[in-house]
Amino acid sequence: MVVPWCPRIAAAVLTVLTGLALLTVSGCGGSGLPRPAGTSPRASVPGPGAGDSVEGDIDAAVSVTTTYWSTHWSEFFTGAYRPPRVLGPYDGAAADGPTCGGTPLPDDNAVYCPGGDYVAWDMDLMRAGHRRGDAWVYLVIAHEWGHAVQNRLDAGLVDLARELQADCLAGAVLFGAARDRTLTFEDGDTDELADALSALADATPWTDTSDHGNASQRVSAFSRGAGSGVRGCLPDAVR
């Protein structure tokens, strides 16, 4: 699962995760991530809709992610959990595609739109990533869902490094789901996760370190969530 994480596009309106070009970053591999206790590493979910198809894995990833948050929300935050709307697949190359705040959703991206409170993804992006590993789509969806969670929190609970916090929340969700036994890691998945986070970080001409962080920062943030859970993703002052 190789995740291209991408440049800012109308950053005030869209939180974007994208990029189909890949950059291999040496020194960042699967050994940088913890392994779920009692399992071997790779993400798959048993049950209806799961399987080898990208559509099945997307459905499973959405189910796993919202199940985790609905089950554990009250352990961390006040109020009731409200899942974002799942706009789901779109074609970023289409002239009549969906918009966020009046701005068309970008091609080959996955986004959380705060104004519409929805998550969406270009299927070209998902298919390309899925060919590199099925765990890829789980990371994309858990990351964007993390931005939806940030949008529900008091400002003091949202880290200034919003993208790294979303990486951390993604780690908390996926490894927390493994502990809940709603997600099963298979051989190779932690390698895919680390490779995904390292593949296209901000050490590229079209990204900014104030955006998503460099490869080591992204792997570190995800690993912190995987090992410490949601509380480990909150600002130091409120932990």
Protein backbone atom coordinates (compact mmCIF):
# COMPACT_ATOMS: atom_id res chain seq x y z
CA MET A 1 0.00 0.00 0.00
CA VAL A 2 1.78 3.04 -1.22
CA VAL A 3 0.17 6.32 -0.32
CA PRO A 4 0.87 9.42 -2.32
CA TRP A 5 0.11 12.29 0.02
CA CYS A 6 -0.17 15.52 -1.71
CA PRO A 7 0.11 19.24 -2.08
CA ARG A 8 -2.27 21.84 -0.72
CA ILE A 9 -5.17 22.75 -3.00
CA ALA A 10 -7.27 25.64 -1.70
CA ALA A 11 -6.02 24.76 1.77
CA ALA A 12 -8.66 26.85 3.49
CA VAL A 13 -11.35 24.81 1.79
CA LEU A 14 -9.94 21.35 1.16
CA THR A 15 -7.77 19.00 3.12
CA VAL A 16 -6.09 17.03 0.36
CA LEU A 17 -4.35 13.72 0.17
CA THR A 18 -3.01 12.77 -3.25
CA GLY A 19 -0.19 12.23 -5.72
CA LEU A 20 0.36 9.36 -8.05
CA ALA A 21 4.07 9.96 -8.62
CA LEU A 22 6.10 8.11 -6.01
CA LEU A 23 9.34 9.04 -4.29
CA THR A 24 11.24 6.28 -2.51
CA VAL A 25 12.73 7.54 0.75
CA SER A 26 15.64 5.47 1.97
CA GLY A 27 15.81 4.44 5.60
CA CYS A 28 12.04 4.29 6.14
CA GLY A 29 10.63 0.79 6.07
CA GLY A 30 8.16 -1.45 7.79
CA SER A 31 10.42 -1.79 10.82
CA GLY A 32 9.45 1.78 11.74
CA LEU A 33 5.92 0.70 12.69
CA PRO A 34 4.76 -1.42 15.59
CA ARG A 35 2.99 -4.69 14.89
CA PRO A 36 -0.46 -5.42 16.29
CA ALA A 37 -0.21 -7.77 19.24
CA GLY A 38 -1.13 -11.32 18.43
CA THR A 39 -1.21 -10.80 14.69
CA SER A 40 1.09 -10.77 11.74
CA PRO A 41 1.17 -7.57 9.70
CA ARG A 42 -1.62 -6.76 6.71
CA ALA A 43 -5.05 -5.20 6.58
CA SER A 44 -8.10 -7.16 5.57
CA VAL A 45 -11.59 -7.32 6.97
CA PRO A 46 -13.71 -10.44 6.93
CA GLY A 47 -17.40 -10.17 6.08
CA PRO A 48 -19.65 -8.88 3.31
CA GLY A 49 -18.05 -6.46 0.87
CA ALA A 50 -14.49 -7.31 1.83
CA GLY A 51 -12.25 -9.06 -0.59
CA ASP A 52 -9.78 -8.48 -3.35
CA SER A 53 -11.69 -5.72 -5.16
CA VAL A 54 -10.87 -2.08 -4.50
CA GLU A 55 -14.58 -1.38 -3.98
CA GLY A 56 -14.81 -4.15 -1.37
CA ASP A 57 -11.78 -2.88 0.50
CA ILE A 58 -13.09 0.70 0.41
CA ASP A 59 -16.43 -0.40 1.87
CA ALA A 60 -14.62 -2.38 4.55
CA ALA A 61 -12.30 0.53 5.37
CA VAL A 62 -15.24 2.90 5.82
CA SER A 63 -16.99 0.37 8.05
CA VAL A 64 -13.91 -0.31 10.18
CA THR A 65 -13.14 3.39 10.62
CA THR A 66 -16.60 4.58 11.60
CA THR A 67 -17.12 1.52 13.83
CA TYR A 68 -13.95 2.37 15.73
CA TRP A 69 -14.98 5.97 16.29
CA SER A 70 -18.58 5.17 17.21
CA THR A 71 -17.36 2.55 19.71
CA HIS A 72 -14.61 4.59 21.36
CA TRP A 73 -15.61 8.27 20.94
CA SER A 74 -16.94 8.67 24.48
CA GLU A 75 -13.64 7.38 25.91
CA PHE A 76 -11.86 10.46 24.58
CA PHE A 77 -14.34 13.24 23.86
CA THR A 78 -17.63 14.69 25.11
CA GLY A 79 -20.81 14.75 23.08
CA ALA A 80 -22.13 12.17 20.65
CA TYR A 81 -20.16 10.83 17.72
CA ARG A 82 -21.42 12.04 14.33
CA PRO A 83 -19.82 10.39 11.32
CA PRO A 84 -19.08 12.53 8.29
CA ARG A 85 -21.12 12.00 5.17
CA VAL A 86 -19.48 9.59 2.74
CA LEU A 87 -19.69 11.17 -0.69
CA GLY A 88 -17.44 8.36 -1.83
CA PRO A 89 -16.06 7.97 -5.34
CA TYR A 90 -15.86 10.80 -7.84
CA ASP A 91 -14.19 11.46 -11.17
CA GLY A 92 -11.86 14.41 -10.77
CA ALA A 93 -11.47 14.72 -14.53
CA ALA A 94 -15.21 15.24 -15.09
CA ALA A 95 -16.42 18.76 -15.73
CA ASP A 96 -19.56 18.22 -13.66
CA GLY A 97 -17.86 16.70 -10.62
CA PRO A 98 -18.66 17.58 -6.99
CA THR A 99 -17.38 20.76 -5.35
CA CYS A 100 -16.28 21.89 -1.91
CA GLY A 101 -16.98 25.51 -1.08
CA GLY A 102 -17.52 26.17 -4.78
CA THR A 103 -14.16 24.66 -5.73
CA PRO A 104 -14.22 21.46 -7.83
CA LEU A 105 -12.71 18.47 -6.08
CA PRO A 106 -9.22 17.95 -7.49
CA ASP A 107 -8.27 15.13 -9.82
CA ASP A 108 -6.57 12.05 -8.35
CA ASN A 109 -7.15 13.05 -4.75
CA ALA A 110 -8.95 12.07 -1.58
CA VAL A 111 -10.45 14.87 0.50
CA TYR A 112 -12.35 15.86 3.58
CA CYS A 113 -14.56 18.88 2.88
CA PRO A 114 -15.31 20.78 6.11
CA GLY A 115 -18.14 22.86 4.63
CA GLY A 116 -20.01 19.83 3.36
CA ASP A 117 -18.73 17.57 6.17
CA TYR A 118 -17.97 14.75 3.78
CA VAL A 119 -15.13 12.49 2.71
CA ALA A 120 -14.58 11.62 -0.94
CA TRP A 121 -11.98 10.04 -3.16
CA ASP A 122 -11.14 9.91 -6.84
CA MET A 123 -11.42 6.28 -7.93
CA ASP A 124 -8.39 6.64 -10.21
CA LEU A 125 -6.33 7.37 -7.10
CA MET A 126 -7.81 4.47 -5.17
CA ARG A 127 -7.37 1.95 -8.00
CA ALA A 128 -3.76 3.00 -8.56
CA GLY A 129 -2.95 2.69 -4.86
CA HIS A 130 -4.86 -0.58 -4.45
CA ARG A 131 -2.75 -2.18 -7.15
CA ARG A 132 0.24 -1.57 -4.88
CA GLY A 133 -1.44 -3.06 -1.79
CA ASP A 134 -4.90 -3.42 -0.31
CA ALA A 135 -4.00 -1.74 2.98
CA TRP A 136 -3.47 1.46 1.00
CA VAL A 137 -7.18 2.36 0.93
CA TYR A 138 -7.50 1.84 4.69
CA LEU A 139 -4.83 4.44 5.33
CA VAL A 140 -6.33 6.96 2.90
CA ILE A 141 -9.79 6.70 4.45
CA ALA A 142 -8.59 6.66 8.06
CA HIS A 143 -6.45 9.75 7.40
CA GLU A 144 -9.27 11.76 5.81
CA TRP A 145 -11.65 10.61 8.56
CA GLY A 146 -9.11 12.01 10.98
CA HIS A 147 -9.70 15.46 9.49
CA ALA A 148 -13.45 14.99 10.03
CA VAL A 149 -12.70 14.20 13.67
CA GLN A 150 -10.57 17.34 13.98
CA ASN A 151 -13.51 19.36 12.64
CA ARG A 152 -15.63 18.10 15.55
CA LEU A 153 -13.17 18.98 18.32
CA ASP A 154 -12.54 22.11 20.35
CA ALA A 155 -9.67 24.11 18.89
CA GLY A 156 -7.45 23.26 21.86
CA LEU A 157 -7.56 19.57 20.94
CA VAL A 158 -6.44 20.11 17.34
CA ASP A 159 -2.70 20.12 16.82
CA LEU A 160 -1.17 22.90 14.75
CA ALA A 161 0.39 20.16 12.63
CA ARG A 162 -3.03 19.04 11.41
CA GLU A 163 -1.78 16.61 8.76
CA LEU A 164 0.54 14.82 11.15
CA GLN A 165 -2.25 14.62 13.71
CA ALA A 166 -4.46 13.03 11.04
CA ASP A 167 -1.67 10.50 10.38
CA CYS A 168 -1.53 9.82 14.12
CA LEU A 169 -5.31 9.34 14.32
CA ALA A 170 -5.16 6.98 11.35
CA GLY A 171 -2.62 4.86 13.23
CA ALA A 172 -4.78 4.90 16.36
CA VAL A 173 -7.83 3.78 14.40
CA LEU A 174 -6.25 1.00 12.34
CA PHE A 175 -4.26 -0.52 15.20
CA GLY A 176 -7.16 0.07 17.60
CA ALA A 177 -9.45 -1.78 15.20
CA ALA A 178 -6.95 -4.64 15.18
CA ARG A 179 -7.15 -4.79 18.97
CA ASP A 180 -10.96 -4.75 18.68
CA ARG A 181 -10.69 -7.61 16.18
CA THR A 182 -12.67 -5.70 13.57
CA LEU A 183 -9.54 -5.52 11.41
CA THR A 184 -7.02 -8.26 10.70
CA PHE A 185 -3.45 -7.45 9.69
CA GLU A 186 -1.86 -9.89 7.23
CA ASP A 187 1.76 -10.43 6.29
CA GLY A 188 3.20 -7.34 4.61
CA ASP A 189 0.69 -4.72 5.76
CA THR A 190 2.92 -2.83 8.18
CA ASP A 191 5.55 -2.70 5.45
CA GLU A 192 2.92 -1.29 3.09
CA LEU A 193 1.86 1.28 5.68
CA ALA A 194 5.39 2.51 6.33
CA ASP A 195 6.18 2.56 2.62
CA ALA A 196 2.97 4.49 1.98
CA LEU A 197 3.79 7.15 4.54
CA SER A 198 7.34 7.42 3.24
CA ALA A 199 6.59 7.25 -0.47
CA LEU A 200 5.53 10.81 -1.07
CA ALA A 201 6.13 13.11 1.85
CA ASP A 202 7.09 16.76 1.71
CA ALA A 203 10.59 16.20 0.36
CA THR A 204 9.28 16.91 -3.14
CA PRO A 205 9.13 20.02 -5.32
CA TRP A 206 5.34 20.25 -5.09
CA THR A 207 4.81 19.91 -1.33
CA ASP A 208 5.64 22.01 1.71
CA THR A 209 6.95 20.83 5.08
CA SER A 210 4.31 22.99 6.79
CA ASP A 211 1.71 20.80 5.10
CA HIS A 212 2.09 17.06 5.61
CA GLY A 213 5.57 16.65 7.10
CA ASN A 214 8.56 14.74 5.80
CA ALA A 215 8.74 10.95 5.58
CA SER A 216 10.20 10.36 9.03
CA GLN A 217 7.69 12.73 10.63
CA ARG A 218 4.78 10.95 8.98
CA VAL A 219 5.95 7.48 9.96
CA SER A 220 6.62 8.75 13.49
CA ALA A 221 3.15 10.33 13.79
CA PHE A 222 1.38 7.22 12.53
CA SER A 223 3.48 5.03 14.84
CA ARG A 224 2.64 7.23 17.82
CA GLY A 225 -1.06 6.73 17.20
CA ALA A 226 -0.58 3.01 16.59
CA GLY A 227 1.28 2.59 19.87
CA SER A 228 -0.39 5.17 22.15
CA GLY A 229 -3.89 5.43 20.75
CA VAL A 230 -6.02 8.53 20.30
CA ARG A 231 -4.77 10.26 23.45
CA GLY A 232 -1.25 10.09 22.08
CA CYS A 233 -2.40 12.20 19.13
CA LEU A 234 -3.68 15.13 21.21
CA PRO A 235 -1.55 18.21 21.94
CA ASP A 236 0.84 17.76 24.86
CA ALA A 237 -1.00 20.35 26.97
CA VAL A 238 -4.23 18.32 27.07
CA ARG A 239 -2.91 14.73 27.27
